[in-house]
């Protein structure tokens, strides 16, 4: 009886230690990647961050979560699906929320004219409807915006980054709190799935290592 209680205590301690370690590593990388994309605002850095984070999520699952090198059971399969996708979502919401906060702090509202509205072929994905804008002086504004509901010649309110780092935003930006809240919810779901995978993997590993 005492041996079983001691074994359960060790298992709980192992699970708690693994969960803290895994959560810190995953969330740290996701938020860090989002901050990197926000700071650089480079399309190649963004593409590299997305691809690297997605692949790294699988690698870290195999290294840090017990039993993920040969995933068995619903908890492992769920982690293999949810965690990589959740990592990308947290990263995206982090940098887009930071962009909104930066525009809210330093952005300048202007009246812009829609100069062109067109469709962009996305290959296997549905075509994207985009619009080009020009500022009050007639000079084109950097970046395209969604063309939904817009027509050439229409005048709209946009927010422009004086530093030219963040793309033009139609309308006025928020503080980014909605993006951060969504990132927190996504991270919570990710941590829950990780906890299930860690608990399941630790329990299976403990049962295999303890005879009887």
N, C-alpha and C. Protein backbone atom coordinates (compact mmCIF):
# COMPACT_ATOMS: atom_id res chain seq x y z
N UNK A 1 0.85 -1.21 0.00
CA UNK A 1 0.00 0.00 0.00
C UNK A 1 0.87 1.26 0.00
N UNK A 2 1.88 1.26 0.90
CA UNK A 2 2.78 2.40 0.98
C UNK A 2 3.56 2.57 -0.31
N UNK A 3 3.91 1.43 -0.93
CA UNK A 3 4.64 1.49 -2.19
C UNK A 3 3.80 2.11 -3.29
N UNK A 4 2.50 1.78 -3.30
CA UNK A 4 1.62 2.35 -4.32
C UNK A 4 1.47 3.85 -4.14
N UNK A 5 1.31 4.28 -2.87
CA UNK A 5 1.17 5.71 -2.59
C UNK A 5 2.44 6.46 -2.99
N UNK A 6 3.60 5.85 -2.65
CA UNK A 6 4.88 6.46 -3.01
C UNK A 6 5.02 6.54 -4.53
N UNK A 7 4.59 5.46 -5.21
CA UNK A 7 4.67 5.44 -6.67
C UNK A 7 3.78 6.51 -7.29
N UNK A 8 2.58 6.68 -6.74
CA UNK A 8 1.69 7.71 -7.26
C UNK A 8 2.25 9.10 -7.01
N UNK A 9 2.86 9.28 -5.84
CA UNK A 9 3.46 10.58 -5.53
C UNK A 9 4.58 10.92 -6.50
N UNK A 10 5.40 9.92 -6.80
CA UNK A 10 6.48 10.16 -7.76
C UNK A 10 5.93 10.46 -9.15
N UNK A 11 4.84 9.77 -9.51
CA UNK A 11 4.23 10.00 -10.82
C UNK A 11 3.67 11.41 -10.92
N UNK A 12 2.99 11.86 -9.86
CA UNK A 12 2.43 13.22 -9.86
C UNK A 12 3.54 14.25 -9.96
N UNK A 13 4.63 14.03 -9.21
CA UNK A 13 5.76 14.95 -9.27
C UNK A 13 6.39 14.98 -10.66
N UNK A 14 6.52 13.80 -11.28
CA UNK A 14 7.09 13.72 -12.62
C UNK A 14 6.21 14.45 -13.63
N UNK A 15 4.90 14.22 -13.54
CA UNK A 15 3.97 14.86 -14.46
C UNK A 15 4.02 16.38 -14.32
N UNK A 16 4.02 16.86 -13.05
CA UNK A 16 4.07 18.30 -12.81
C UNK A 16 5.36 18.91 -13.37
N UNK A 17 6.48 18.26 -13.14
CA UNK A 17 7.77 18.76 -13.64
C UNK A 17 7.79 18.79 -15.16
N UNK A 18 7.31 17.71 -15.79
CA UNK A 18 7.28 17.66 -17.24
C UNK A 18 6.36 18.71 -17.83
N UNK A 19 5.19 18.89 -17.19
CA UNK A 19 4.21 19.83 -17.72
C UNK A 19 4.74 21.26 -17.66
N UNK A 20 5.37 21.64 -16.56
CA UNK A 20 5.94 22.98 -16.45
C UNK A 20 7.02 23.18 -17.50
N UNK A 21 7.87 22.19 -17.65
CA UNK A 21 8.97 22.28 -18.62
C UNK A 21 8.45 22.40 -20.05
N UNK A 22 7.50 21.53 -20.40
CA UNK A 22 6.97 21.52 -21.76
C UNK A 22 6.22 22.82 -22.06
N UNK A 23 5.39 23.26 -21.11
CA UNK A 23 4.61 24.49 -21.31
C UNK A 23 5.52 25.69 -21.50
N UNK A 24 6.56 25.80 -20.66
CA UNK A 24 7.48 26.93 -20.76
C UNK A 24 8.19 26.95 -22.10
N UNK A 25 8.63 25.78 -22.56
CA UNK A 25 9.35 25.71 -23.84
C UNK A 25 8.44 26.08 -25.01
N UNK A 26 7.25 25.46 -25.05
CA UNK A 26 6.36 25.68 -26.18
C UNK A 26 5.86 27.13 -26.23
N UNK A 27 5.30 27.61 -25.14
CA UNK A 27 4.76 28.96 -25.14
C UNK A 27 5.85 30.01 -25.32
N UNK A 28 7.04 29.76 -24.76
CA UNK A 28 8.14 30.69 -24.95
C UNK A 28 8.53 30.82 -26.40
N UNK A 29 8.60 29.70 -27.12
CA UNK A 29 8.95 29.74 -28.53
C UNK A 29 7.86 30.40 -29.36
N UNK A 30 6.61 30.14 -29.05
CA UNK A 30 5.50 30.70 -29.83
C UNK A 30 5.43 32.22 -29.69
N UNK A 31 5.47 32.68 -28.44
CA UNK A 31 5.42 34.13 -28.21
C UNK A 31 6.68 34.80 -28.75
N UNK A 32 7.83 34.16 -28.55
CA UNK A 32 9.08 34.72 -29.06
C UNK A 32 9.07 34.85 -30.57
N UNK A 33 8.52 33.86 -31.27
CA UNK A 33 8.44 33.93 -32.73
C UNK A 33 7.51 35.06 -33.16
N UNK A 34 6.40 35.23 -32.44
CA UNK A 34 5.49 36.33 -32.75
C UNK A 34 6.13 37.69 -32.56
N UNK A 35 6.89 37.85 -31.49
CA UNK A 35 7.60 39.11 -31.25
C UNK A 35 8.64 39.35 -32.35
N UNK A 36 9.34 38.29 -32.76
CA UNK A 36 10.36 38.42 -33.82
C UNK A 36 9.73 38.92 -35.12
N UNK A 37 8.59 38.33 -35.51
CA UNK A 37 7.92 38.75 -36.74
C UNK A 37 7.45 40.20 -36.63
N UNK A 38 6.94 40.57 -35.45
CA UNK A 38 6.48 41.95 -35.25
C UNK A 38 7.65 42.94 -35.35
N UNK A 39 8.78 42.59 -34.80
CA UNK A 39 9.93 43.50 -34.80
C UNK A 39 10.53 43.64 -36.20
N UNK A 40 10.66 42.52 -36.91
CA UNK A 40 11.33 42.56 -38.22
C UNK A 40 10.41 43.01 -39.35
N UNK A 41 9.15 42.57 -39.32
CA UNK A 41 8.21 42.87 -40.39
C UNK A 41 8.81 42.54 -41.76
N UNK A 42 9.41 41.36 -41.81
CA UNK A 42 10.00 40.87 -43.05
C UNK A 42 9.26 39.61 -43.47
N UNK A 43 8.78 39.60 -44.73
CA UNK A 43 7.95 38.48 -45.18
C UNK A 43 8.73 37.17 -45.15
N UNK A 44 10.03 37.22 -45.44
CA UNK A 44 10.83 35.99 -45.45
C UNK A 44 11.05 35.48 -44.03
N UNK A 45 11.25 36.40 -43.10
CA UNK A 45 11.37 36.00 -41.70
C UNK A 45 10.07 35.37 -41.22
N UNK A 46 8.93 35.95 -41.62
CA UNK A 46 7.64 35.42 -41.23
C UNK A 46 7.43 34.01 -41.77
N UNK A 47 7.72 33.81 -43.06
CA UNK A 47 7.56 32.49 -43.66
C UNK A 47 8.47 31.46 -42.99
N UNK A 48 9.71 31.86 -42.72
CA UNK A 48 10.66 30.97 -42.05
C UNK A 48 10.19 30.65 -40.63
N UNK A 49 9.65 31.64 -39.93
CA UNK A 49 9.17 31.43 -38.56
C UNK A 49 7.99 30.46 -38.55
N UNK A 50 7.05 30.62 -39.47
CA UNK A 50 5.90 29.72 -39.54
C UNK A 50 6.34 28.28 -39.78
N UNK A 51 7.18 28.10 -40.81
CA UNK A 51 7.62 26.74 -41.15
C UNK A 51 8.45 26.12 -40.03
N UNK A 52 9.38 26.90 -39.47
CA UNK A 52 10.25 26.38 -38.42
C UNK A 52 9.48 26.02 -37.17
N UNK A 53 8.54 26.89 -36.78
CA UNK A 53 7.76 26.64 -35.57
C UNK A 53 6.89 25.40 -35.72
N UNK A 54 6.32 25.22 -36.89
CA UNK A 54 5.46 24.05 -37.14
C UNK A 54 6.27 22.76 -37.02
N UNK A 55 7.44 22.72 -37.65
CA UNK A 55 8.29 21.52 -37.58
C UNK A 55 8.86 21.33 -36.18
N UNK A 56 9.22 22.44 -35.54
CA UNK A 56 9.81 22.37 -34.21
C UNK A 56 8.81 21.83 -33.18
N UNK A 57 7.52 22.13 -33.40
CA UNK A 57 6.49 21.64 -32.48
C UNK A 57 6.48 20.10 -32.48
N UNK A 58 6.57 19.49 -33.65
CA UNK A 58 6.62 18.03 -33.72
C UNK A 58 7.88 17.49 -33.06
N UNK A 59 9.02 18.15 -33.31
CA UNK A 59 10.28 17.70 -32.73
C UNK A 59 10.24 17.77 -31.20
N UNK A 60 9.75 18.88 -30.67
CA UNK A 60 9.70 19.04 -29.23
C UNK A 60 8.71 18.08 -28.57
N UNK A 61 7.62 17.78 -29.26
CA UNK A 61 6.68 16.79 -28.72
C UNK A 61 7.38 15.44 -28.55
N UNK A 62 8.16 15.06 -29.54
CA UNK A 62 8.87 13.79 -29.46
C UNK A 62 9.94 13.78 -28.39
N UNK A 63 10.59 14.92 -28.16
CA UNK A 63 11.69 14.98 -27.20
C UNK A 63 11.23 15.18 -25.76
N UNK A 64 10.18 15.96 -25.56
CA UNK A 64 9.80 16.37 -24.21
C UNK A 64 8.62 15.62 -23.61
N UNK A 65 7.75 15.09 -24.44
CA UNK A 65 6.55 14.42 -23.93
C UNK A 65 6.77 12.92 -23.97
N UNK A 66 6.61 12.23 -22.84
CA UNK A 66 6.82 10.78 -22.80
C UNK A 66 5.91 10.04 -23.78
N UNK A 67 6.49 9.10 -24.51
CA UNK A 67 5.71 8.26 -25.40
C UNK A 67 5.38 8.87 -26.74
N UNK A 68 5.81 10.14 -27.02
CA UNK A 68 5.44 10.78 -28.26
C UNK A 68 6.35 10.36 -29.43
N UNK A 69 7.46 9.67 -29.11
CA UNK A 69 8.31 9.19 -30.20
C UNK A 69 7.59 8.10 -30.99
N UNK A 70 6.70 7.36 -30.31
CA UNK A 70 5.84 6.38 -30.96
C UNK A 70 4.42 6.60 -30.42
N UNK A 71 3.72 7.64 -30.91
CA UNK A 71 2.43 8.03 -30.33
C UNK A 71 1.38 6.93 -30.40
N UNK A 72 0.77 6.65 -29.25
CA UNK A 72 -0.30 5.68 -29.15
C UNK A 72 -1.43 6.29 -28.32
N UNK A 73 -2.66 5.98 -28.68
CA UNK A 73 -3.80 6.47 -27.90
C UNK A 73 -4.28 7.83 -28.38
N UNK A 74 -5.49 8.17 -27.94
CA UNK A 74 -6.13 9.40 -28.41
C UNK A 74 -5.42 10.65 -27.94
N UNK A 75 -4.83 10.62 -26.72
CA UNK A 75 -4.17 11.81 -26.19
C UNK A 75 -2.96 12.19 -27.04
N UNK A 76 -2.17 11.20 -27.44
CA UNK A 76 -0.99 11.46 -28.26
C UNK A 76 -1.38 11.96 -29.64
N UNK A 77 -2.39 11.33 -30.24
CA UNK A 77 -2.83 11.74 -31.57
C UNK A 77 -3.39 13.16 -31.52
N UNK A 78 -4.15 13.47 -30.47
CA UNK A 78 -4.71 14.81 -30.33
C UNK A 78 -3.61 15.85 -30.18
N UNK A 79 -2.57 15.50 -29.42
CA UNK A 79 -1.45 16.43 -29.25
C UNK A 79 -0.71 16.65 -30.56
N UNK A 80 -0.55 15.61 -31.36
CA UNK A 80 0.14 15.75 -32.64
C UNK A 80 -0.62 16.67 -33.60
N UNK A 81 -1.94 16.77 -33.42
CA UNK A 81 -2.76 17.62 -34.30
C UNK A 81 -2.89 19.03 -33.73
N UNK A 82 -3.25 19.13 -32.45
CA UNK A 82 -3.60 20.41 -31.85
C UNK A 82 -2.37 21.27 -31.57
N UNK A 83 -1.30 20.69 -31.05
CA UNK A 83 -0.16 21.49 -30.61
C UNK A 83 0.53 22.24 -31.75
N UNK A 84 0.87 21.60 -32.88
CA UNK A 84 1.51 22.36 -33.96
C UNK A 84 0.61 23.47 -34.50
N UNK A 85 -0.69 23.17 -34.67
CA UNK A 85 -1.60 24.20 -35.17
C UNK A 85 -1.76 25.32 -34.14
N UNK A 86 -1.89 24.94 -32.87
CA UNK A 86 -2.01 25.94 -31.81
C UNK A 86 -0.78 26.83 -31.73
N UNK A 87 0.39 26.26 -31.97
CA UNK A 87 1.63 27.05 -31.94
C UNK A 87 1.59 28.15 -33.00
N UNK A 88 1.14 27.81 -34.21
CA UNK A 88 1.06 28.80 -35.28
C UNK A 88 0.02 29.88 -34.98
N UNK A 89 -1.11 29.46 -34.39
CA UNK A 89 -2.16 30.42 -34.07
C UNK A 89 -1.70 31.40 -33.00
N UNK A 90 -1.04 30.89 -31.95
CA UNK A 90 -0.54 31.77 -30.88
C UNK A 90 0.48 32.75 -31.44
N UNK A 91 1.38 32.27 -32.29
CA UNK A 91 2.37 33.15 -32.90
C UNK A 91 1.71 34.23 -33.73
N UNK A 92 0.75 33.84 -34.58
CA UNK A 92 0.07 34.81 -35.44
C UNK A 92 -0.69 35.85 -34.63
N UNK A 93 -1.43 35.41 -33.62
CA UNK A 93 -2.20 36.35 -32.80
C UNK A 93 -1.28 37.27 -32.01
N UNK A 94 -0.11 36.76 -31.61
CA UNK A 94 0.82 37.59 -30.85
C UNK A 94 1.34 38.74 -31.69
N UNK A 95 1.84 38.42 -32.89
CA UNK A 95 2.42 39.52 -33.68
C UNK A 95 1.34 40.43 -34.26
N UNK A 96 0.16 39.91 -34.61
CA UNK A 96 -0.89 40.78 -35.13
C UNK A 96 -1.44 41.68 -34.02
N UNK A 97 -1.50 41.15 -32.78
CA UNK A 97 -1.92 41.98 -31.66
C UNK A 97 -0.92 43.08 -31.36
N UNK A 98 0.37 42.75 -31.45
CA UNK A 98 1.41 43.77 -31.26
C UNK A 98 1.37 44.82 -32.36
N UNK A 99 1.07 44.39 -33.59
CA UNK A 99 0.92 45.35 -34.68
C UNK A 99 -0.22 46.32 -34.41
N UNK A 100 -1.35 45.77 -33.95
CA UNK A 100 -2.50 46.62 -33.66
C UNK A 100 -2.18 47.60 -32.53
N UNK A 101 -1.50 47.12 -31.51
CA UNK A 101 -1.15 48.00 -30.40
C UNK A 101 -0.21 49.11 -30.84
N UNK A 102 0.75 48.77 -31.70
CA UNK A 102 1.68 49.79 -32.20
C UNK A 102 0.96 50.83 -33.04
N UNK A 103 0.04 50.38 -33.91
CA UNK A 103 -0.73 51.33 -34.72
C UNK A 103 -1.62 52.20 -33.85
N UNK A 104 -2.18 51.60 -32.80
CA UNK A 104 -3.03 52.37 -31.89
C UNK A 104 -2.23 53.45 -31.18
N UNK A 105 -0.96 53.15 -30.90
CA UNK A 105 -0.12 54.10 -30.17
C UNK A 105 0.45 55.19 -31.06
N UNK A 106 0.89 54.83 -32.26
CA UNK A 106 1.59 55.83 -33.08
C UNK A 106 0.99 56.04 -34.46
N UNK A 107 -0.08 55.30 -34.78
CA UNK A 107 -0.67 55.40 -36.11
C UNK A 107 -1.28 56.76 -36.40
N UNK A 108 -1.35 57.09 -37.68
CA UNK A 108 -1.90 58.37 -38.12
C UNK A 108 -3.08 58.09 -39.06
N UNK A 109 -4.25 58.64 -38.72
CA UNK A 109 -5.43 58.47 -39.56
C UNK A 109 -5.34 59.38 -40.78
N UNK A 110 -5.70 58.81 -41.93
CA UNK A 110 -5.70 59.57 -43.18
C UNK A 110 -6.93 59.18 -44.00
N UNK A 111 -7.26 60.03 -44.94
CA UNK A 111 -8.28 59.71 -45.93
C UNK A 111 -7.57 59.19 -47.16
N UNK A 112 -7.92 57.98 -47.55
CA UNK A 112 -7.27 57.35 -48.70
C UNK A 112 -8.30 57.06 -49.77
N UNK A 113 -7.84 57.01 -51.01
CA UNK A 113 -8.70 56.72 -52.15
C UNK A 113 -8.38 55.34 -52.70
N UNK A 114 -9.41 54.56 -52.96
CA UNK A 114 -9.23 53.24 -53.56
C UNK A 114 -8.92 53.43 -55.03
N UNK A 115 -7.73 53.04 -55.44
CA UNK A 115 -7.32 53.22 -56.84
C UNK A 115 -7.60 52.00 -57.71
N UNK A 116 -7.65 50.82 -57.09
CA UNK A 116 -7.87 49.61 -57.88
C UNK A 116 -8.36 48.50 -56.97
N UNK A 117 -9.26 47.68 -57.48
CA UNK A 117 -9.75 46.50 -56.77
C UNK A 117 -9.65 45.32 -57.73
N UNK A 118 -9.03 44.24 -57.29
CA UNK A 118 -8.81 43.11 -58.19
C UNK A 118 -8.72 41.80 -57.40
N UNK A 119 -8.71 40.72 -58.14
CA UNK A 119 -8.61 39.38 -57.55
C UNK A 119 -7.20 38.84 -57.75
N UNK A 120 -6.72 38.13 -56.75
CA UNK A 120 -5.39 37.51 -56.82
C UNK A 120 -5.57 36.00 -56.77
N UNK A 121 -5.00 35.31 -57.75
CA UNK A 121 -5.08 33.86 -57.81
C UNK A 121 -4.27 33.24 -56.68
N UNK A 122 -4.91 32.37 -55.89
CA UNK A 122 -4.24 31.71 -54.76
C UNK A 122 -3.97 30.22 -55.03
N UNK A 123 -4.02 29.82 -56.29
CA UNK A 123 -3.78 28.42 -56.59
C UNK A 123 -4.95 27.56 -56.18
N UNK A 124 -4.67 26.59 -55.29
CA UNK A 124 -5.72 25.68 -54.83
C UNK A 124 -6.71 26.38 -53.90
N UNK A 125 -6.30 27.46 -53.28
CA UNK A 125 -7.18 28.21 -52.38
C UNK A 125 -8.06 29.17 -53.18
N UNK A 126 -9.18 29.61 -52.58
CA UNK A 126 -10.04 30.58 -53.27
C UNK A 126 -9.28 31.87 -53.56
N UNK A 127 -9.60 32.55 -54.66
CA UNK A 127 -8.90 33.81 -54.99
C UNK A 127 -9.12 34.87 -53.92
N UNK A 128 -8.12 35.74 -53.75
CA UNK A 128 -8.18 36.78 -52.73
C UNK A 128 -8.58 38.11 -53.38
N UNK A 129 -9.52 38.81 -52.75
CA UNK A 129 -10.01 40.09 -53.24
C UNK A 129 -9.25 41.21 -52.53
N UNK A 130 -8.44 41.99 -53.24
CA UNK A 130 -7.60 43.00 -52.61
C UNK A 130 -7.81 44.36 -53.29
N UNK A 131 -7.39 45.40 -52.59
CA UNK A 131 -7.51 46.76 -53.10
C UNK A 131 -6.22 47.51 -52.89
N UNK A 132 -5.93 48.43 -53.79
CA UNK A 132 -4.79 49.32 -53.66
C UNK A 132 -5.29 50.72 -53.30
N UNK A 133 -4.49 51.40 -52.48
CA UNK A 133 -4.90 52.70 -51.96
C UNK A 133 -3.87 53.78 -52.30
N UNK A 134 -4.34 55.01 -52.34
CA UNK A 134 -3.46 56.17 -52.51
C UNK A 134 -3.80 57.18 -51.43
N UNK A 135 -2.75 57.85 -50.91
CA UNK A 135 -2.94 58.85 -49.87
C UNK A 135 -3.47 60.16 -50.42
N UNK A 136 -3.64 61.15 -49.53
CA UNK A 136 -4.16 62.47 -49.96
C UNK A 136 -3.33 63.12 -51.05
N UNK A 137 -2.02 62.85 -51.07
CA UNK A 137 -1.15 63.45 -52.08
C UNK A 137 -1.20 62.70 -53.41
N UNK A 138 -1.89 61.58 -53.44
CA UNK A 138 -1.95 60.76 -54.65
C UNK A 138 -0.90 59.68 -54.72
N UNK A 139 0.02 59.66 -53.77
CA UNK A 139 1.06 58.64 -53.76
C UNK A 139 0.49 57.31 -53.26
N UNK A 140 0.84 56.18 -53.88
CA UNK A 140 0.33 54.87 -53.43
C UNK A 140 0.76 54.57 -52.00
N UNK A 141 -0.14 54.01 -51.22
CA UNK A 141 0.19 53.59 -49.86
C UNK A 141 0.76 52.18 -49.92
N UNK A 142 1.77 51.88 -49.10
CA UNK A 142 2.40 50.55 -49.16
C UNK A 142 1.45 49.45 -48.69
N UNK A 143 1.49 48.34 -49.39
CA UNK A 143 0.68 47.19 -48.99
C UNK A 143 -0.72 47.26 -49.55
N UNK A 144 -1.34 46.09 -49.69
CA UNK A 144 -2.72 46.00 -50.15
C UNK A 144 -3.63 45.68 -48.97
N UNK A 145 -4.91 45.99 -49.12
CA UNK A 145 -5.90 45.69 -48.09
C UNK A 145 -7.00 44.85 -48.72
N UNK A 146 -7.85 44.30 -47.88
CA UNK A 146 -8.97 43.51 -48.38
C UNK A 146 -9.88 44.39 -49.23
N UNK A 147 -10.26 43.88 -50.39
CA UNK A 147 -11.11 44.64 -51.28
C UNK A 147 -12.59 44.40 -51.09
N UNK A 148 -12.95 43.59 -50.09
CA UNK A 148 -14.36 43.29 -49.87
C UNK A 148 -15.13 44.56 -49.54
N UNK A 149 -16.18 44.84 -50.30
CA UNK A 149 -17.02 46.01 -50.07
C UNK A 149 -16.45 47.32 -50.59
N UNK A 150 -15.29 47.27 -51.25
CA UNK A 150 -14.66 48.48 -51.76
C UNK A 150 -14.78 48.57 -53.28
N UNK A 151 -14.81 49.79 -53.77
CA UNK A 151 -14.85 50.05 -55.21
C UNK A 151 -13.83 51.13 -55.55
N UNK A 152 -13.30 51.05 -56.75
CA UNK A 152 -12.34 52.05 -57.19
C UNK A 152 -12.97 53.44 -57.17
N UNK A 153 -12.23 54.40 -56.64
CA UNK A 153 -12.71 55.77 -56.53
C UNK A 153 -13.31 56.11 -55.19
N UNK A 154 -13.58 55.12 -54.37
CA UNK A 154 -14.18 55.38 -53.05
C UNK A 154 -13.12 55.93 -52.10
N UNK A 155 -13.52 56.83 -51.22
CA UNK A 155 -12.63 57.39 -50.21
C UNK A 155 -12.94 56.78 -48.86
N UNK A 156 -11.92 56.30 -48.17
CA UNK A 156 -12.09 55.62 -46.89
C UNK A 156 -11.08 56.15 -45.88
N UNK A 157 -11.33 55.85 -44.61
CA UNK A 157 -10.40 56.21 -43.54
C UNK A 157 -9.46 55.04 -43.27
N UNK A 158 -8.17 55.33 -43.23
CA UNK A 158 -7.17 54.30 -42.95
C UNK A 158 -6.23 54.80 -41.86
N UNK A 159 -5.52 53.87 -41.27
CA UNK A 159 -4.48 54.22 -40.28
C UNK A 159 -3.13 53.81 -40.85
N UNK A 160 -2.22 54.77 -40.88
CA UNK A 160 -0.90 54.56 -41.49
C UNK A 160 0.17 54.61 -40.40
N UNK A 161 1.13 53.70 -40.50
CA UNK A 161 2.27 53.70 -39.58
C UNK A 161 3.30 54.72 -40.06
N UNK A 162 3.58 55.77 -39.27
CA UNK A 162 4.56 56.78 -39.70
C UNK A 162 5.94 56.19 -39.98
N UNK A 163 6.25 55.06 -39.31
CA UNK A 163 7.56 54.44 -39.52
C UNK A 163 7.58 53.54 -40.75
N UNK A 164 6.40 53.26 -41.32
CA UNK A 164 6.31 52.46 -42.52
C UNK A 164 6.56 50.98 -42.32
N UNK A 165 6.52 50.50 -41.09
CA UNK A 165 6.81 49.09 -40.83
C UNK A 165 5.55 48.22 -40.89
N UNK A 166 4.43 48.77 -40.40
CA UNK A 166 3.19 48.00 -40.31
C UNK A 166 2.31 48.36 -41.50
N UNK A 167 1.72 47.37 -42.17
CA UNK A 167 0.86 47.66 -43.32
C UNK A 167 -0.32 48.56 -42.95
N UNK A 168 -0.85 49.22 -43.96
CA UNK A 168 -1.99 50.12 -43.77
C UNK A 168 -3.19 49.33 -43.26
N UNK A 169 -3.92 49.93 -42.35
CA UNK A 169 -5.11 49.30 -41.78
C UNK A 169 -6.33 50.13 -42.14
N UNK A 170 -7.36 49.48 -42.68
CA UNK A 170 -8.60 50.17 -42.97
C UNK A 170 -9.34 50.43 -41.66
N UNK A 171 -9.72 51.69 -41.44
CA UNK A 171 -10.40 52.05 -40.20
C UNK A 171 -9.41 52.44 -39.12
N UNK A 172 -9.85 52.31 -37.87
CA UNK A 172 -9.00 52.65 -36.73
C UNK A 172 -8.62 51.39 -35.98
N UNK A 173 -7.38 51.27 -35.51
CA UNK A 173 -6.93 50.05 -34.84
C UNK A 173 -7.42 49.96 -33.41
N UNK A 174 -7.49 48.74 -32.92
CA UNK A 174 -7.79 48.52 -31.50
C UNK A 174 -6.48 48.46 -30.73
N UNK A 175 -6.58 48.20 -29.45
CA UNK A 175 -5.36 48.09 -28.63
C UNK A 175 -4.71 46.73 -28.75
N UNK A 176 -5.32 45.83 -29.49
CA UNK A 176 -4.79 44.48 -29.63
C UNK A 176 -5.24 43.53 -28.55
N UNK A 177 -6.08 44.01 -27.62
CA UNK A 177 -6.49 43.16 -26.50
C UNK A 177 -7.29 41.94 -26.96
N UNK A 178 -8.09 42.11 -28.01
CA UNK A 178 -8.85 40.97 -28.53
C UNK A 178 -7.94 39.88 -29.06
N UNK A 179 -6.89 40.28 -29.76
CA UNK A 179 -5.92 39.31 -30.29
C UNK A 179 -5.21 38.58 -29.15
N UNK A 180 -4.80 39.35 -28.13
CA UNK A 180 -4.09 38.75 -27.00
C UNK A 180 -5.02 37.80 -26.22
N UNK A 181 -6.28 38.18 -26.10
CA UNK A 181 -7.24 37.31 -25.41
C UNK A 181 -7.42 36.00 -26.17
N UNK A 182 -7.54 36.10 -27.50
CA UNK A 182 -7.67 34.89 -28.31
C UNK A 182 -6.41 34.03 -28.23
N UNK A 183 -5.24 34.69 -28.18
CA UNK A 183 -3.98 33.94 -28.04
C UNK A 183 -3.94 33.21 -26.71
N UNK A 184 -4.44 33.86 -25.66
CA UNK A 184 -4.47 33.21 -24.35
C UNK A 184 -5.39 32.01 -24.33
N UNK A 185 -6.55 32.12 -24.97
CA UNK A 185 -7.48 30.99 -25.03
C UNK A 185 -6.86 29.84 -25.81
N UNK A 186 -6.23 30.16 -26.95
CA UNK A 186 -5.58 29.12 -27.75
C UNK A 186 -4.46 28.45 -26.96
N UNK A 187 -3.67 29.26 -26.25
CA UNK A 187 -2.60 28.69 -25.42
C UNK A 187 -3.16 27.80 -24.33
N UNK A 188 -4.31 28.19 -23.75
CA UNK A 188 -4.93 27.36 -22.72
C UNK A 188 -5.35 26.00 -23.25
N UNK A 189 -5.93 25.99 -24.45
CA UNK A 189 -6.31 24.72 -25.08
C UNK A 189 -5.06 23.88 -25.35
N UNK A 190 -4.02 24.54 -25.82
CA UNK A 190 -2.77 23.84 -26.11
C UNK A 190 -2.17 23.23 -24.85
N UNK A 191 -2.17 23.98 -23.75
CA UNK A 191 -1.63 23.47 -22.49
C UNK A 191 -2.46 22.30 -21.99
N UNK A 192 -3.79 22.37 -22.15
CA UNK A 192 -4.66 21.27 -21.73
C UNK A 192 -4.33 20.00 -22.50
N UNK A 193 -4.16 20.12 -23.81
CA UNK A 193 -3.82 18.95 -24.63
C UNK A 193 -2.44 18.43 -24.25
N UNK A 194 -1.49 19.34 -24.02
CA UNK A 194 -0.16 18.92 -23.58
C UNK A 194 -0.22 18.18 -22.25
N UNK A 195 -1.05 18.70 -21.33
CA UNK A 195 -1.19 18.05 -20.02
C UNK A 195 -1.72 16.63 -20.17
N UNK A 196 -2.71 16.47 -21.04
CA UNK A 196 -3.24 15.12 -21.26
C UNK A 196 -2.18 14.19 -21.83
N UNK A 197 -1.40 14.70 -22.79
CA UNK A 197 -0.36 13.88 -23.40
C UNK A 197 0.74 13.54 -22.39
N UNK A 198 1.13 14.53 -21.57
CA UNK A 198 2.17 14.30 -20.56
C UNK A 198 1.68 13.29 -19.52
N UNK A 199 0.46 13.46 -19.04
CA UNK A 199 -0.08 12.54 -18.03
C UNK A 199 -0.17 11.13 -18.58
N UNK A 200 -0.69 11.00 -19.79
CA UNK A 200 -0.84 9.69 -20.39
C UNK A 200 0.52 9.04 -20.62
N UNK A 201 1.46 9.82 -21.17
CA UNK A 201 2.78 9.27 -21.45
C UNK A 201 3.52 8.88 -20.19
N UNK A 202 3.43 9.72 -19.13
CA UNK A 202 4.10 9.41 -17.88
C UNK A 202 3.49 8.18 -17.21
N UNK A 203 2.16 8.07 -17.28
CA UNK A 203 1.48 6.93 -16.65
C UNK A 203 1.86 5.63 -17.35
N UNK A 204 1.88 5.66 -18.69
CA UNK A 204 2.25 4.45 -19.44
C UNK A 204 3.71 4.08 -19.17
N UNK A 205 4.59 5.10 -19.15
CA UNK A 205 5.99 4.83 -18.88
C UNK A 205 6.22 4.29 -17.49
N UNK A 206 5.47 4.79 -16.50
CA UNK A 206 5.61 4.32 -15.12
C UNK A 206 5.12 2.90 -14.98
N UNK A 207 4.01 2.56 -15.64
CA UNK A 207 3.47 1.20 -15.54
C UNK A 207 4.39 0.18 -16.19
N UNK A 208 5.14 0.61 -17.19
CA UNK A 208 6.07 -0.31 -17.85
C UNK A 208 7.33 -0.52 -17.06
N UNK A 209 7.73 0.52 -16.28
CA UNK A 209 9.00 0.45 -15.56
C UNK A 209 8.87 -0.19 -14.18
N UNK A 210 7.62 -0.19 -13.63
CA UNK A 210 7.40 -0.77 -12.29
C UNK A 210 6.79 -2.14 -12.44
N UNK A 211 7.45 -3.21 -11.99
CA UNK A 211 6.90 -4.56 -12.11
C UNK A 211 5.73 -4.76 -11.17
N UNK A 212 4.81 -5.59 -11.61
CA UNK A 212 3.66 -5.95 -10.78
C UNK A 212 2.64 -4.87 -10.75
